[in-house]
Amino acid sequence: MSRLWVTRKKRWKTLSSALLSCVIIGSLLAGCGTKTESDATTREQHNQTVEVEASAESAKGGSSEEVQERTITDELGHEVKLSGTPEKIIAPYLEESLLKLGVYPVARYSNARDGHRDWLEKLSNIPILDFSEGLPSPEVIMSYHPDLIILQTETFAANGVYESYSKIAPTYVFKNASGNIEKSLTTIGDLLGKSAEADSALQTYREKIKEAKEKLSKIVENKKVAIIRFAPKGVNMMGGNYLAGYVLHQELGLGKTKLIGDANSANLSLEIIPKLDADYIFVIDQGGDRTMMDSPIWKSMPAVKQGHVYKVDSGYWLGSGLIAYEKIIDDVVQFLTK
């Protein structure tokens, strides 16, 4: 029996050793499996990190392309160098164009001395650039830290102003931005990277003109209109080359009086009134002397007798952008199609 017990004991030890070996081998294999999974996870995380870094580098590359410098020549022949998309804009008297593009200036034009009225509510919280004593000094402009200055007319750039302003920021000068509002808005859109917005605004504007002309065609055919401005400096008629005159005569095709012809403006007095061959008169009151409207001479004009004299808003009728122009068109259609 003892010999049989010894034999069984040896077999048990052998079986135990075998089982222990299996357990050890199984643990090692499990460890290897865990390590393999861990390595795979590590490799995946590494690949994701590489992808993120590559995307970042790609984004940096795209940004570097956007901020590349470009040179644009303004209407006076100045080379304007821009780096990236301008964000801090000063564009006196062109604020309407900026708003049409979804851009707010860092400061806005105002001139109480010439009867200018701030009528754009969206600009009510924008600091004022006071033009009452002439163009703001370079120090004033510099205080707003602009990265682009746009001047509406070459008059604004005269007498060394351009040279001073262009040292502060890139400065683009129009000969007369209000002379061709479509062209000037397109240019501003290009300067600010807003060409699509400019195209959309102009398309809406053209459709409005087309509709207005259709409504007015039979009513005002062969009729003449006059725009009389009672300004602090005197009474004058507005020509057809800019502002409301541009809208009425060039955009809507309404006839001009002989007294204005191709001039930008013409002085008006009681002595001249009898020669005013206008069927419709639009009056812009800027706080000037309007006593002539009480005179028998004024009241004897056919347009006055027929009730064809309309007092209009001095704010947007002297505006120089699409917002004002669209409001002027609405006024003309409303008054003349009653």
C-alpha atoms as a PDB file:
ATOM      1  CA  MET A   1       0.000   0.000   0.000  1.00  0.00           C
ATOM      2  CA  SER A   2       2.816   2.351   0.788  1.00  0.00           C
ATOM      3  CA  ARG A   3       4.306   1.761  -2.612  1.00  0.00           C
ATOM      4  CA  LEU A   4       0.927   2.530  -4.247  1.00  0.00           C
ATOM      5  CA  TRP A   5       0.607   5.728  -2.169  1.00  0.00           C
ATOM      6  CA  VAL A   6       4.052   6.875  -3.223  1.00  0.00           C
ATOM      7  CA  THR A   7       3.161   6.296  -6.842  1.00  0.00           C
ATOM      8  CA  ARG A   8      -0.085   8.274  -6.496  1.00  0.00           C
ATOM      9  CA  LYS A   9       1.741  11.087  -4.679  1.00  0.00           C
ATOM     10  CA  LYS A  10       4.261  11.391  -7.507  1.00  0.00           C
ATOM     11  CA  ARG A  11       1.458  11.484 -10.097  1.00  0.00           C
ATOM     12  CA  TRP A  12      -0.304  14.232  -8.111  1.00  0.00           C
ATOM     13  CA  LYS A  13       2.845  16.301  -7.937  1.00  0.00           C
ATOM     14  CA  THR A  14       3.307  15.869 -11.669  1.00  0.00           C
ATOM     15  CA  LEU A  15      -0.306  16.905 -12.351  1.00  0.00           C
ATOM     16  CA  SER A  16       0.014  19.902  -9.996  1.00  0.00           C
ATOM     17  CA  SER A  17       3.184  21.009 -11.723  1.00  0.00           C
ATOM     18  CA  ALA A  18       1.457  20.722 -15.074  1.00  0.00           C
ATOM     19  CA  LEU A  19      -1.519  22.719 -13.877  1.00  0.00           C
ATOM     20  CA  LEU A  20       0.748  25.371 -12.365  1.00  0.00           C
ATOM     21  CA  SER A  21       2.640  25.630 -15.660  1.00  0.00           C
ATOM     22  CA  CYS A  22      -0.607  26.119 -17.521  1.00  0.00           C
ATOM     23  CA  VAL A  23      -1.645  28.859 -15.135  1.00  0.00           C
ATOM     24  CA  ILE A  24       1.716  30.596 -15.523  1.00  0.00           C
ATOM     25  CA  ILE A  25       1.633  30.283 -19.311  1.00  0.00           C
ATOM     26  CA  GLY A  26      -1.971  31.545 -19.359  1.00  0.00           C
ATOM     27  CA  SER A  27      -1.009  34.562 -17.269  1.00  0.00           C
ATOM     28  CA  LEU A  28       1.889  35.305 -19.566  1.00  0.00           C
ATOM     29  CA  LEU A  29      -0.331  35.058 -22.625  1.00  0.00           C
ATOM     30  CA  ALA A  30      -2.935  37.300 -20.974  1.00  0.00           C
ATOM     31  CA  GLY A  31      -0.199  39.785 -20.161  1.00  0.00           C
ATOM     32  CA  CYS A  32       0.975  39.700 -23.740  1.00  0.00           C
ATOM     33  CA  GLY A  33      -2.596  40.252 -24.920  1.00  0.00           C
ATOM     34  CA  THR A  34      -3.002  43.211 -22.589  1.00  0.00           C
ATOM     35  CA  LYS A  35       0.298  44.662 -23.728  1.00  0.00           C
ATOM     36  CA  THR A  36      -0.737  44.205 -27.363  1.00  0.00           C
ATOM     37  CA  GLU A  37      -4.029  46.025 -26.722  1.00  0.00           C
ATOM     38  CA  SER A  38      -2.163  48.747 -24.802  1.00  0.00           C
ATOM     39  CA  ASP A  39       0.315  49.150 -27.644  1.00  0.00           C
ATOM     40  CA  ALA A  40      -2.550  49.381 -30.138  1.00  0.00           C
ATOM     41  CA  THR A  41      -4.261  52.048 -28.034  1.00  0.00           C
ATOM     42  CA  THR A  42      -1.006  53.974 -27.734  1.00  0.00           C
ATOM     43  CA  ARG A  43      -0.457  53.802 -31.485  1.00  0.00           C
ATOM     44  CA  GLU A  44      -4.038  55.025 -32.119  1.00  0.00           C
ATOM     45  CA  GLN A  45      -3.612  57.921 -29.718  1.00  0.00           C
ATOM     46  CA  HIS A  46      -0.321  58.791 -31.365  1.00  0.00           C
ATOM     47  CA  ASN A  47      -1.915  58.722 -34.800  1.00  0.00           C
ATOM     48  CA  GLN A  48      -4.738  60.997 -33.585  1.00  0.00           C
ATOM     49  CA  THR A  49      -2.191  63.408 -32.147  1.00  0.00           C
ATOM     50  CA  VAL A  50      -0.318  63.444 -35.429  1.00  0.00           C
ATOM     51  CA  GLU A  51      -3.561  64.124 -37.303  1.00  0.00           C
ATOM     52  CA  VAL A  52      -4.472  67.012 -34.977  1.00  0.00           C
ATOM     53  CA  GLU A  53      -1.002  68.500 -35.328  1.00  0.00           C
ATOM     54  CA  ALA A  54      -1.184  68.108 -39.091  1.00  0.00           C
ATOM     55  CA  SER A  55      -4.575  69.852 -39.142  1.00  0.00           C
ATOM     56  CA  ALA A  56      -3.187  72.665 -37.036  1.00  0.00           C
ATOM     57  CA  GLU A  57      -0.251  73.059 -39.349  1.00  0.00           C
ATOM     58  CA  SER A  58      -2.620  73.053 -42.310  1.00  0.00           C
ATOM     59  CA  ALA A  59      -4.756  75.715 -40.649  1.00  0.00           C
ATOM     60  CA  LYS A  60      -1.673  77.796 -40.012  1.00  0.00           C
ATOM     61  CA  GLY A  61      -0.759  77.448 -43.630  1.00  0.00           C
ATOM     62  CA  GLY A  62      -4.248  78.644 -44.664  1.00  0.00           C
ATOM     63  CA  SER A  63      -4.002  81.606 -42.296  1.00  0.00           C
ATOM     64  CA  SER A  64      -0.631  82.593 -43.633  1.00  0.00           C
ATOM     65  CA  GLU A  65      -2.136  82.691 -47.116  1.00  0.00           C
ATOM     66  CA  GLU A  66      -4.984  84.940 -45.914  1.00  0.00           C
ATOM     67  CA  VAL A  67      -2.667  87.435 -44.307  1.00  0.00           C
ATOM     68  CA  GLN A  68      -0.411  87.719 -47.304  1.00  0.00           C
ATOM     69  CA  GLU A  69       0.122  91.303 -48.304  1.00  0.00           C
ATOM     70  CA  ARG A  70      -1.624  92.635 -51.391  1.00  0.00           C
ATOM     71  CA  THR A  71      -1.354  95.966 -53.141  1.00  0.00           C
ATOM     72  CA  ILE A  72      -4.343  97.906 -54.516  1.00  0.00           C
ATOM     73  CA  THR A  73      -4.114 101.161 -56.439  1.00  0.00           C
ATOM     74  CA  ASP A  74      -6.658 103.812 -55.451  1.00  0.00           C
ATOM     75  CA  GLU A  75      -8.353 106.282 -57.818  1.00  0.00           C
ATOM     76  CA  LEU A  76      -5.598 108.860 -57.349  1.00  0.00           C
ATOM     77  CA  GLY A  77      -2.849 106.386 -58.180  1.00  0.00           C
ATOM     78  CA  HIS A  78      -1.672 105.680 -54.627  1.00  0.00           C
ATOM     79  CA  GLU A  79      -0.523 102.144 -53.882  1.00  0.00           C
ATOM     80  CA  VAL A  80      -2.405 100.809 -50.868  1.00  0.00           C
ATOM     81  CA  LYS A  81      -0.747  97.819 -49.183  1.00  0.00           C
ATOM     82  CA  LEU A  82      -3.070  95.609 -47.135  1.00  0.00           C
ATOM     83  CA  SER A  83      -2.091  92.734 -44.876  1.00  0.00           C
ATOM     84  CA  GLY A  84      -4.992  90.422 -44.139  1.00  0.00           C
ATOM     85  CA  THR A  85      -8.562  91.677 -43.760  1.00  0.00           C
ATOM     86  CA  PRO A  86      -8.933  95.190 -42.269  1.00  0.00           C
ATOM     87  CA  GLU A  87     -11.172  95.298 -39.204  1.00  0.00           C
ATOM     88  CA  LYS A  88     -10.795  98.788 -37.713  1.00  0.00           C
ATOM     89  CA  ILE A  89     -12.128 101.072 -40.437  1.00  0.00           C
ATOM     90  CA  ILE A  90     -12.453 104.839 -40.676  1.00  0.00           C
ATOM     91  CA  ALA A  91     -14.441 105.899 -43.761  1.00  0.00           C
ATOM     92  CA  PRO A  92     -15.974 109.375 -43.294  1.00  0.00           C
ATOM     93  CA  TYR A  93     -19.275 109.771 -45.153  1.00  0.00           C
ATOM     94  CA  LEU A  94     -19.084 106.159 -46.376  1.00  0.00           C
ATOM     95  CA  GLU A  95     -20.567 104.602 -43.260  1.00  0.00           C
ATOM     96  CA  GLU A  96     -23.672 103.472 -45.161  1.00  0.00           C
ATOM     97  CA  SER A  97     -21.574 101.346 -47.467  1.00  0.00           C
ATOM     98  CA  LEU A  98     -19.869  99.756 -44.474  1.00  0.00           C
ATOM     99  CA  LEU A  99     -23.226  98.941 -42.863  1.00  0.00           C
ATOM    100  CA  LYS A 100     -24.475  97.362 -46.100  1.00  0.00           C
ATOM    101  CA  LEU A 101     -21.480  95.038 -45.875  1.00  0.00           C
ATOM    102  CA  GLY A 102     -22.120  94.232 -42.223  1.00  0.00           C
ATOM    103  CA  VAL A 103     -19.172  96.321 -41.004  1.00  0.00           C
ATOM    104  CA  TYR A 104     -19.171  98.986 -38.282  1.00  0.00           C
ATOM    105  CA  PRO A 105     -16.595 101.806 -38.390  1.00  0.00           C
ATOM    106  CA  VAL A 106     -14.538 102.646 -35.313  1.00  0.00           C
ATOM    107  CA  ALA A 107     -15.595 106.312 -35.714  1.00  0.00           C
ATOM    108  CA  ARG A 108     -18.175 108.138 -37.862  1.00  0.00           C
ATOM    109  CA  TYR A 109     -18.501 111.398 -39.778  1.00  0.00           C
ATOM    110  CA  SER A 110     -20.468 114.340 -38.386  1.00  0.00           C
ATOM    111  CA  ASN A 111     -20.592 118.023 -39.273  1.00  0.00           C
ATOM    112  CA  ALA A 112     -23.207 120.131 -37.503  1.00  0.00           C
ATOM    113  CA  ARG A 113     -21.928 123.315 -39.127  1.00  0.00           C
ATOM    114  CA  ASP A 114     -23.084 122.326 -42.621  1.00  0.00           C
ATOM    115  CA  GLY A 115     -26.436 121.047 -41.354  1.00  0.00           C
ATOM    116  CA  HIS A 116     -25.470 117.372 -41.352  1.00  0.00           C
ATOM    117  CA  ARG A 117     -27.919 115.276 -39.350  1.00  0.00           C
ATOM    118  CA  ASP A 118     -27.019 111.907 -37.838  1.00  0.00           C
ATOM    119  CA  TRP A 119     -29.879 109.700 -39.032  1.00  0.00           C
ATOM    120  CA  LEU A 120     -28.399 106.201 -39.004  1.00  0.00           C
ATOM    121  CA  GLU A 121     -29.583 104.642 -35.749  1.00  0.00           C
ATOM    122  CA  LYS A 122     -27.137 101.753 -36.065  1.00  0.00           C
ATOM    123  CA  LEU A 123     -24.294 104.247 -35.608  1.00  0.00           C
ATOM    124  CA  SER A 124     -25.685 105.925 -32.510  1.00  0.00           C
ATOM    125  CA  ASN A 125     -23.075 104.327 -30.245  1.00  0.00           C
ATOM    126  CA  ILE A 126     -20.125 104.916 -32.589  1.00  0.00           C
ATOM    127  CA  PRO A 127     -17.730 107.764 -31.634  1.00  0.00           C
ATOM    128  CA  ILE A 128     -18.055 110.937 -33.727  1.00  0.00           C
ATOM    129  CA  LEU A 129     -15.417 112.377 -36.022  1.00  0.00           C
ATOM    130  CA  ASP A 130     -16.171 116.095 -35.968  1.00  0.00           C
ATOM    131  CA  PHE A 131     -15.613 117.752 -39.348  1.00  0.00           C
ATOM    132  CA  SER A 132     -16.913 121.170 -38.237  1.00  0.00           C
ATOM    133  CA  GLU A 133     -13.409 122.650 -38.292  1.00  0.00           C
ATOM    134  CA  GLY A 134     -12.154 120.604 -41.202  1.00  0.00           C
ATOM    135  CA  LEU A 135     -10.800 117.085 -41.334  1.00  0.00           C
ATOM    136  CA  PRO A 136      -9.778 115.549 -37.995  1.00  0.00           C
ATOM    137  CA  SER A 137      -6.115 115.868 -37.094  1.00  0.00           C
ATOM    138  CA  PRO A 138      -3.765 112.912 -37.525  1.00  0.00           C
ATOM    139  CA  GLU A 139      -3.629 112.640 -33.731  1.00  0.00           C
ATOM    140  CA  VAL A 140      -7.410 112.174 -33.558  1.00  0.00           C
ATOM    141  CA  ILE A 141      -7.368 109.563 -36.313  1.00  0.00           C
ATOM    142  CA  MET A 142      -4.459 107.766 -34.681  1.00  0.00           C
ATOM    143  CA  SER A 143      -6.341 107.501 -31.379  1.00  0.00           C
ATOM    144  CA  TYR A 144      -8.758 105.000 -32.980  1.00  0.00           C
ATOM    145  CA  HIS A 145      -5.908 102.720 -34.187  1.00  0.00           C
ATOM    146  CA  PRO A 146      -7.383 102.114 -37.659  1.00  0.00           C
ATOM    147  CA  ASP A 147      -5.937  99.489 -39.965  1.00  0.00           C
ATOM    148  CA  LEU A 148      -7.631 101.071 -43.023  1.00  0.00           C
ATOM    149  CA  ILE A 149      -8.745 104.616 -43.850  1.00  0.00           C
ATOM    150  CA  ILE A 150     -11.078 105.264 -46.812  1.00  0.00           C
ATOM    151  CA  LEU A 151     -11.601 108.832 -48.029  1.00  0.00           C
ATOM    152  CA  GLN A 152     -14.785 109.570 -49.979  1.00  0.00           C
ATOM    153  CA  THR A 153     -13.412 112.299 -52.251  1.00  0.00           C
ATOM    154  CA  GLU A 154     -10.062 113.603 -53.405  1.00  0.00           C
ATOM    155  CA  THR A 155     -10.980 116.851 -51.619  1.00  0.00           C
ATOM    156  CA  PHE A 156     -10.685 114.999 -48.309  1.00  0.00           C
ATOM    157  CA  ALA A 157      -7.150 113.957 -49.253  1.00  0.00           C
ATOM    158  CA  ALA A 158      -5.923 117.431 -50.253  1.00  0.00           C
ATOM    159  CA  ASN A 159      -3.551 119.792 -48.461  1.00  0.00           C
ATOM    160  CA  GLY A 160      -1.288 117.089 -47.089  1.00  0.00           C
ATOM    161  CA  VAL A 161      -4.073 115.082 -45.436  1.00  0.00           C
ATOM    162  CA  TYR A 162      -3.321 111.952 -47.440  1.00  0.00           C
ATOM    163  CA  GLU A 163       0.354 112.114 -46.575  1.00  0.00           C
ATOM    164  CA  SER A 164      -0.482 112.421 -42.865  1.00  0.00           C
ATOM    165  CA  TYR A 165      -3.199 109.764 -42.770  1.00  0.00           C
ATOM    166  CA  SER A 166      -1.267 107.231 -44.847  1.00  0.00           C
ATOM    167  CA  LYS A 167       1.466 107.225 -42.220  1.00  0.00           C
ATOM    168  CA  ILE A 168      -1.106 106.053 -39.678  1.00  0.00           C
ATOM    169  CA  ALA A 169      -2.743 103.306 -41.742  1.00  0.00           C
ATOM    170  CA  PRO A 170      -3.202 102.244 -45.390  1.00  0.00           C
ATOM    171  CA  THR A 171      -5.360 104.946 -46.976  1.00  0.00           C
ATOM    172  CA  TYR A 172      -7.570 104.488 -50.046  1.00  0.00           C
ATOM    173  CA  VAL A 173      -8.908 107.613 -51.811  1.00  0.00           C
ATOM    174  CA  PHE A 174     -11.886 107.863 -54.192  1.00  0.00           C
ATOM    175  CA  LYS A 175     -12.177 110.736 -56.640  1.00  0.00           C
ATOM    176  CA  ASN A 176     -15.897 110.910 -55.813  1.00  0.00           C
ATOM    177  CA  ALA A 177     -17.385 107.767 -54.276  1.00  0.00           C
ATOM    178  CA  SER A 178     -20.956 109.110 -54.478  1.00  0.00           C
ATOM    179  CA  GLY A 179     -20.594 109.703 -58.220  1.00  0.00           C
ATOM    180  CA  ASN A 180     -20.918 105.964 -58.884  1.00  0.00           C
ATOM    181  CA  ILE A 181     -22.250 104.200 -55.819  1.00  0.00           C
ATOM    182  CA  GLU A 182     -22.186 100.742 -57.423  1.00  0.00           C
ATOM    183  CA  LYS A 183     -18.528 101.006 -58.331  1.00  0.00           C
ATOM    184  CA  SER A 184     -17.511 102.437 -54.966  1.00  0.00           C
ATOM    185  CA  LEU A 185     -19.413  99.777 -52.999  1.00  0.00           C
ATOM    186  CA  THR A 186     -17.793  97.060 -55.092  1.00  0.00           C
ATOM    187  CA  THR A 187     -14.380  98.563 -54.361  1.00  0.00           C
ATOM    188  CA  ILE A 188     -15.046  98.799 -50.625  1.00  0.00           C
ATOM    189  CA  GLY A 189     -16.274  95.200 -50.653  1.00  0.00           C
ATOM    190  CA  ASP A 190     -12.994  94.132 -52.242  1.00  0.00           C
ATOM    191  CA  LEU A 191     -10.935  96.115 -49.722  1.00  0.00           C
ATOM    192  CA  LEU A 192     -12.753  94.509 -46.786  1.00  0.00           C
ATOM    193  CA  GLY A 193     -13.069  90.981 -48.146  1.00  0.00           C
ATOM    194  CA  LYS A 194     -16.843  91.449 -48.504  1.00  0.00           C
ATOM    195  CA  SER A 195     -17.323  91.112 -52.256  1.00  0.00           C
ATOM    196  CA  ALA A 196     -20.219  88.657 -51.924  1.00  0.00           C
ATOM    197  CA  GLU A 197     -22.063  91.006 -49.574  1.00  0.00           C
ATOM    198  CA  ALA A 198     -21.501  93.908 -51.964  1.00  0.00           C
ATOM    199  CA  ASP A 199     -22.870  91.935 -54.915  1.00  0.00           C
ATOM    200  CA  SER A 200     -25.966  90.939 -52.945  1.00  0.00           C
ATOM    201  CA  ALA A 201     -26.662  94.512 -51.815  1.00  0.00           C
ATOM    202  CA  LEU A 202     -26.267  95.862 -55.343  1.00  0.00           C
ATOM    203  CA  GLN A 203     -28.582  93.236 -56.800  1.00  0.00           C
ATOM    204  CA  THR A 204     -31.302  94.232 -54.331  1.00  0.00           C
ATOM    205  CA  TYR A 205     -30.730  97.893 -55.159  1.00  0.00           C
ATOM    206  CA  ARG A 206     -30.989  97.332 -58.931  1.00  0.00           C
ATOM    207  CA  GLU A 207     -34.250  95.437 -58.484  1.00  0.00           C
ATOM    208  CA  LYS A 208     -35.616  98.331 -56.439  1.00  0.00           C
ATOM    209  CA  ILE A 209     -34.700 100.824 -59.173  1.00  0.00           C
ATOM    210  CA  LYS A 210     -36.328  98.665 -61.818  1.00  0.00           C
ATOM    211  CA  GLU A 211     -39.585  98.423 -59.865  1.00  0.00           C
ATOM    212  CA  ALA A 212     -39.611 102.165 -59.150  1.00  0.00           C
ATOM    213  CA  LYS A 213     -39.061 103.110 -62.792  1.00  0.00           C
ATOM    214  CA  GLU A 214     -41.952 100.880 -63.828  1.00  0.00           C
ATOM    215  CA  LYS A 215     -44.257 102.627 -61.352  1.00  0.00           C
ATOM    216  CA  LEU A 216     -43.103 106.106 -62.364  1.00  0.00           C
ATOM    217  CA  SER A 217     -42.817 105.632 -66.130  1.00  0.00           C
ATOM    218  CA  LYS A 218     -46.283 106.800 -67.151  1.00  0.00           C
ATOM    219  CA  ILE A 219     -46.782 109.306 -64.352  1.00  0.00           C
ATOM    220  CA  VAL A 220     -43.639 111.414 -64.745  1.00  0.00           C
ATOM    221  CA  GLU A 221     -42.955 110.900 -68.429  1.00  0.00           C
ATOM    222  CA  ASN A 222     -41.398 114.101 -69.837  1.00  0.00           C
ATOM    223  CA  LYS A 223     -41.699 115.748 -66.412  1.00  0.00           C
ATOM    224  CA  LYS A 224     -38.894 117.667 -64.710  1.00  0.00           C
ATOM    225  CA  VAL A 225     -37.934 117.664 -61.062  1.00  0.00           C
ATOM    226  CA  ALA A 226     -35.855 120.026 -58.951  1.00  0.00           C
ATOM    227  CA  ILE A 227     -34.152 119.464 -55.595  1.00  0.00           C
ATOM    228  CA  ILE A 228     -33.863 122.680 -53.593  1.00  0.00           C
ATOM    229  CA  ARG A 229     -31.629 122.751 -50.552  1.00  0.00           C
ATOM    230  CA  PHE A 230     -32.088 125.390 -47.852  1.00  0.00           C
ATOM    231  CA  ALA A 231     -28.677 125.206 -46.220  1.00  0.00           C
ATOM    232  CA  PRO A 232     -27.069 127.455 -43.584  1.00  0.00           C
ATOM    233  CA  LYS A 233     -24.811 128.907 -46.284  1.00  0.00           C
ATOM    234  CA  GLY A 234     -27.604 129.695 -48.734  1.00  0.00           C
ATOM    235  CA  VAL A 235     -30.231 128.267 -51.061  1.00  0.00           C
ATOM    236  CA  ASN A 236     -29.192 126.097 -53.996  1.00  0.00           C
ATOM    237  CA  MET A 237     -30.422 123.470 -56.395  1.00  0.00           C
ATOM    238  CA  MET A 238     -28.804 120.066 -56.457  1.00  0.00           C
ATOM    239  CA  GLY A 239     -27.502 118.724 -59.745  1.00  0.00           C
ATOM    240  CA  GLY A 240     -27.638 115.179 -61.044  1.00  0.00           C
ATOM    241  CA  ASN A 241     -24.075 114.073 -60.343  1.00  0.00           C
ATOM    242  CA  TYR A 242     -24.211 113.098 -56.678  1.00  0.00           C
ATOM    243  CA  LEU A 243     -26.401 112.282 -53.657  1.00  0.00           C
ATOM    244  CA  ALA A 244     -30.180 112.622 -54.161  1.00  0.00           C
ATOM    245  CA  GLY A 245     -29.685 114.279 -57.534  1.00  0.00           C
ATOM    246  CA  TYR A 246     -27.807 111.216 -58.746  1.00  0.00           C
ATOM    247  CA  VAL A 247     -30.657 108.964 -57.619  1.00  0.00           C
ATOM    248  CA  LEU A 248     -33.430 111.008 -59.227  1.00  0.00           C
ATOM    249  CA  HIS A 249     -31.779 111.938 -62.497  1.00  0.00           C
ATOM    250  CA  GLN A 250     -29.378 109.097 -63.255  1.00  0.00           C
ATOM    251  CA  GLU A 251     -30.927 106.114 -61.509  1.00  0.00           C
ATOM    252  CA  LEU A 252     -34.619 106.884 -61.944  1.00  0.00           C
ATOM    253  CA  GLY A 253     -34.184 108.867 -65.162  1.00  0.00           C
ATOM    254  CA  LEU A 254     -36.250 111.883 -64.066  1.00  0.00           C
ATOM    255  CA  GLY A 255     -35.798 115.065 -66.111  1.00  0.00           C
ATOM    256  CA  LYS A 256     -33.657 118.002 -64.972  1.00  0.00           C
ATOM    257  CA  THR A 257     -34.504 121.674 -65.143  1.00  0.00           C
ATOM    258  CA  LYS A 258     -32.713 123.949 -67.572  1.00  0.00           C
ATOM    259  CA  LEU A 259     -31.354 125.965 -64.670  1.00  0.00           C
ATOM    260  CA  ILE A 260     -29.227 123.099 -63.373  1.00  0.00           C
ATOM    261  CA  GLY A 261     -28.063 121.502 -66.610  1.00  0.00           C
ATOM    262  CA  ASP A 262     -24.934 119.419 -66.013  1.00  0.00           C
ATOM    263  CA  ALA A 263     -23.728 121.426 -63.011  1.00  0.00           C
ATOM    264  CA  ASN A 264     -23.278 119.883 -59.580  1.00  0.00           C
ATOM    265  CA  SER A 265     -25.283 122.696 -58.028  1.00  0.00           C
ATOM    266  CA  ALA A 266     -26.642 126.165 -58.734  1.00  0.00           C
ATOM    267  CA  ASN A 267     -27.546 129.064 -56.470  1.00  0.00           C
ATOM    268  CA  LEU A 268     -31.219 129.961 -56.261  1.00  0.00           C
ATOM    269  CA  SER A 269     -32.750 133.366 -55.553  1.00  0.00           C
ATOM    270  CA  LEU A 270     -36.141 135.066 -55.955  1.00  0.00           C
ATOM    271  CA  GLU A 271     -34.927 136.629 -59.188  1.00  0.00           C
ATOM    272  CA  ILE A 272     -34.211 133.201 -60.679  1.00  0.00           C
ATOM    273  CA  ILE A 273     -37.349 131.392 -59.459  1.00  0.00           C
ATOM    274  CA  PRO A 274     -39.556 132.508 -62.413  1.00  0.00           C
ATOM    275  CA  LYS A 275     -37.152 130.592 -64.699  1.00  0.00           C
ATOM    276  CA  LEU A 276     -37.469 127.374 -62.695  1.00  0.00           C
ATOM    277  CA  ASP A 277     -39.203 124.985 -65.090  1.00  0.00           C
ATOM    278  CA  ALA A 278     -39.858 122.153 -62.638  1.00  0.00           C
ATOM    279  CA  ASP A 279     -43.037 120.080 -62.489  1.00  0.00           C
ATOM    280  CA  TYR A 280     -42.094 118.650 -59.088  1.00  0.00           C
ATOM    281  CA  ILE A 281     -39.955 120.189 -56.349  1.00  0.00           C
ATOM    282  CA  PHE A 282     -38.299 118.384 -53.452  1.00  0.00           C
ATOM    283  CA  VAL A 283     -37.290 120.635 -50.559  1.00  0.00           C
ATOM    284  CA  ILE A 284     -34.411 119.755 -48.215  1.00  0.00           C
ATOM    285  CA  ASP A 285     -34.497 121.905 -45.090  1.00  0.00           C
ATOM    286  CA  GLN A 286     -31.101 122.093 -43.368  1.00  0.00           C
ATOM    287  CA  GLY A 287     -32.008 125.037 -41.204  1.00  0.00           C
ATOM    288  CA  GLY A 288     -31.391 127.681 -43.857  1.00  0.00           C
ATOM    289  CA  ASP A 289     -33.447 130.757 -44.700  1.00  0.00           C
ATOM    290  CA  ARG A 290     -36.782 129.659 -46.221  1.00  0.00           C
ATOM    291  CA  THR A 291     -38.464 133.069 -46.441  1.00  0.00           C
ATOM    292  CA  MET A 292     -38.596 132.848 -50.245  1.00  0.00           C
ATOM    293  CA  MET A 293     -41.225 130.134 -49.890  1.00  0.00           C
ATOM    294  CA  ASP A 294     -43.581 132.739 -48.435  1.00  0.00           C
ATOM    295  CA  SER A 295     -43.173 135.145 -51.351  1.00  0.00           C
ATOM    296  CA  PRO A 296     -45.804 135.622 -54.114  1.00  0.00           C
ATOM    297  CA  ILE A 297     -43.113 134.753 -56.675  1.00  0.00           C
ATOM    298  CA  TRP A 298     -42.590 131.331 -55.155  1.00  0.00           C
ATOM    299  CA  LYS A 299     -46.315 130.717 -54.824  1.00  0.00           C
ATOM    300  CA  SER A 300     -46.867 131.620 -58.463  1.00  0.00           C
ATOM    301  CA  MET A 301     -44.825 128.672 -59.753  1.00  0.00           C
ATOM    302  CA  PRO A 302     -46.935 125.939 -61.451  1.00  0.00           C
ATOM    303  CA  ALA A 303     -45.436 123.209 -59.239  1.00  0.00           C
ATOM    304  CA  VAL A 304     -46.458 125.109 -56.101  1.00  0.00           C
ATOM    305  CA  LYS A 305     -49.961 125.819 -57.388  1.00  0.00           C
ATOM    306  CA  GLN A 306     -50.489 122.123 -58.175  1.00  0.00           C
ATOM    307  CA  GLY A 307     -49.267 120.994 -54.766  1.00  0.00           C
ATOM    308  CA  HIS A 308     -46.194 119.334 -56.197  1.00  0.00           C
ATOM    309  CA  VAL A 309     -43.754 120.584 -53.558  1.00  0.00           C
ATOM    310  CA  TYR A 310     -42.563 117.947 -51.104  1.00  0.00           C
ATOM    311  CA  LYS A 311     -40.494 118.478 -47.975  1.00  0.00           C
ATOM    312  CA  VAL A 312     -38.125 115.535 -47.511  1.00  0.00           C
ATOM    313  CA  ASP A 313     -35.839 114.219 -44.796  1.00  0.00           C
ATOM    314  CA  SER A 314     -32.591 116.184 -44.705  1.00  0.00           C
ATOM    315  CA  GLY A 315     -30.712 113.214 -43.269  1.00  0.00           C
ATOM    316  CA  TYR A 316     -30.923 110.526 -45.896  1.00  0.00           C
ATOM    317  CA  TRP A 317     -31.654 112.887 -48.815  1.00  0.00           C
ATOM    318  CA  LEU A 318     -28.084 114.048 -48.324  1.00  0.00           C
ATOM    319  CA  GLY A 319     -26.817 110.536 -47.671  1.00  0.00           C
ATOM    320  CA  SER A 320     -24.310 108.924 -49.994  1.00  0.00           C
ATOM    321  CA  GLY A 321     -24.948 105.192 -49.797  1.00  0.00           C
ATOM    322  CA  LEU A 322     -27.441 102.496 -50.653  1.00  0.00           C
ATOM    323  CA  ILE A 323     -29.375 102.849 -47.405  1.00  0.00           C
ATOM    324  CA  ALA A 324     -30.131 106.501 -48.169  1.00  0.00           C
ATOM    325  CA  TYR A 325     -30.652 105.891 -51.877  1.00  0.00           C
ATOM    326  CA  GLU A 326     -33.248 103.204 -51.219  1.00  0.00           C
ATOM    327  CA  LYS A 327     -35.126 105.503 -48.840  1.00  0.00           C
ATOM    328  CA  ILE A 328     -35.029 108.313 -51.418  1.00  0.00           C
ATOM    329  CA  ILE A 329     -36.496 105.991 -54.042  1.00  0.00           C
ATOM    330  CA  ASP A 330     -39.300 105.065 -51.646  1.00  0.00           C
ATOM    331  CA  ASP A 331     -40.054 108.754 -51.070  1.00  0.00           C
ATOM    332  CA  VAL A 332     -40.143 109.596 -54.764  1.00  0.00           C
ATOM    333  CA  VAL A 333     -42.487 106.711 -55.574  1.00  0.00           C
ATOM    334  CA  GLN A 334     -44.736 107.579 -52.644  1.00  0.00           C
ATOM    335  CA  PHE A 335     -44.994 111.295 -53.459  1.00  0.00           C
ATOM    336  CA  LEU A 336     -45.311 111.079 -57.224  1.00  0.00           C
ATOM    337  CA  THR A 337     -47.744 108.178 -57.420  1.00  0.00           C
ATOM    338  CA  LYS A 338     -50.330 109.585 -55.006  1.00  0.00           C
END
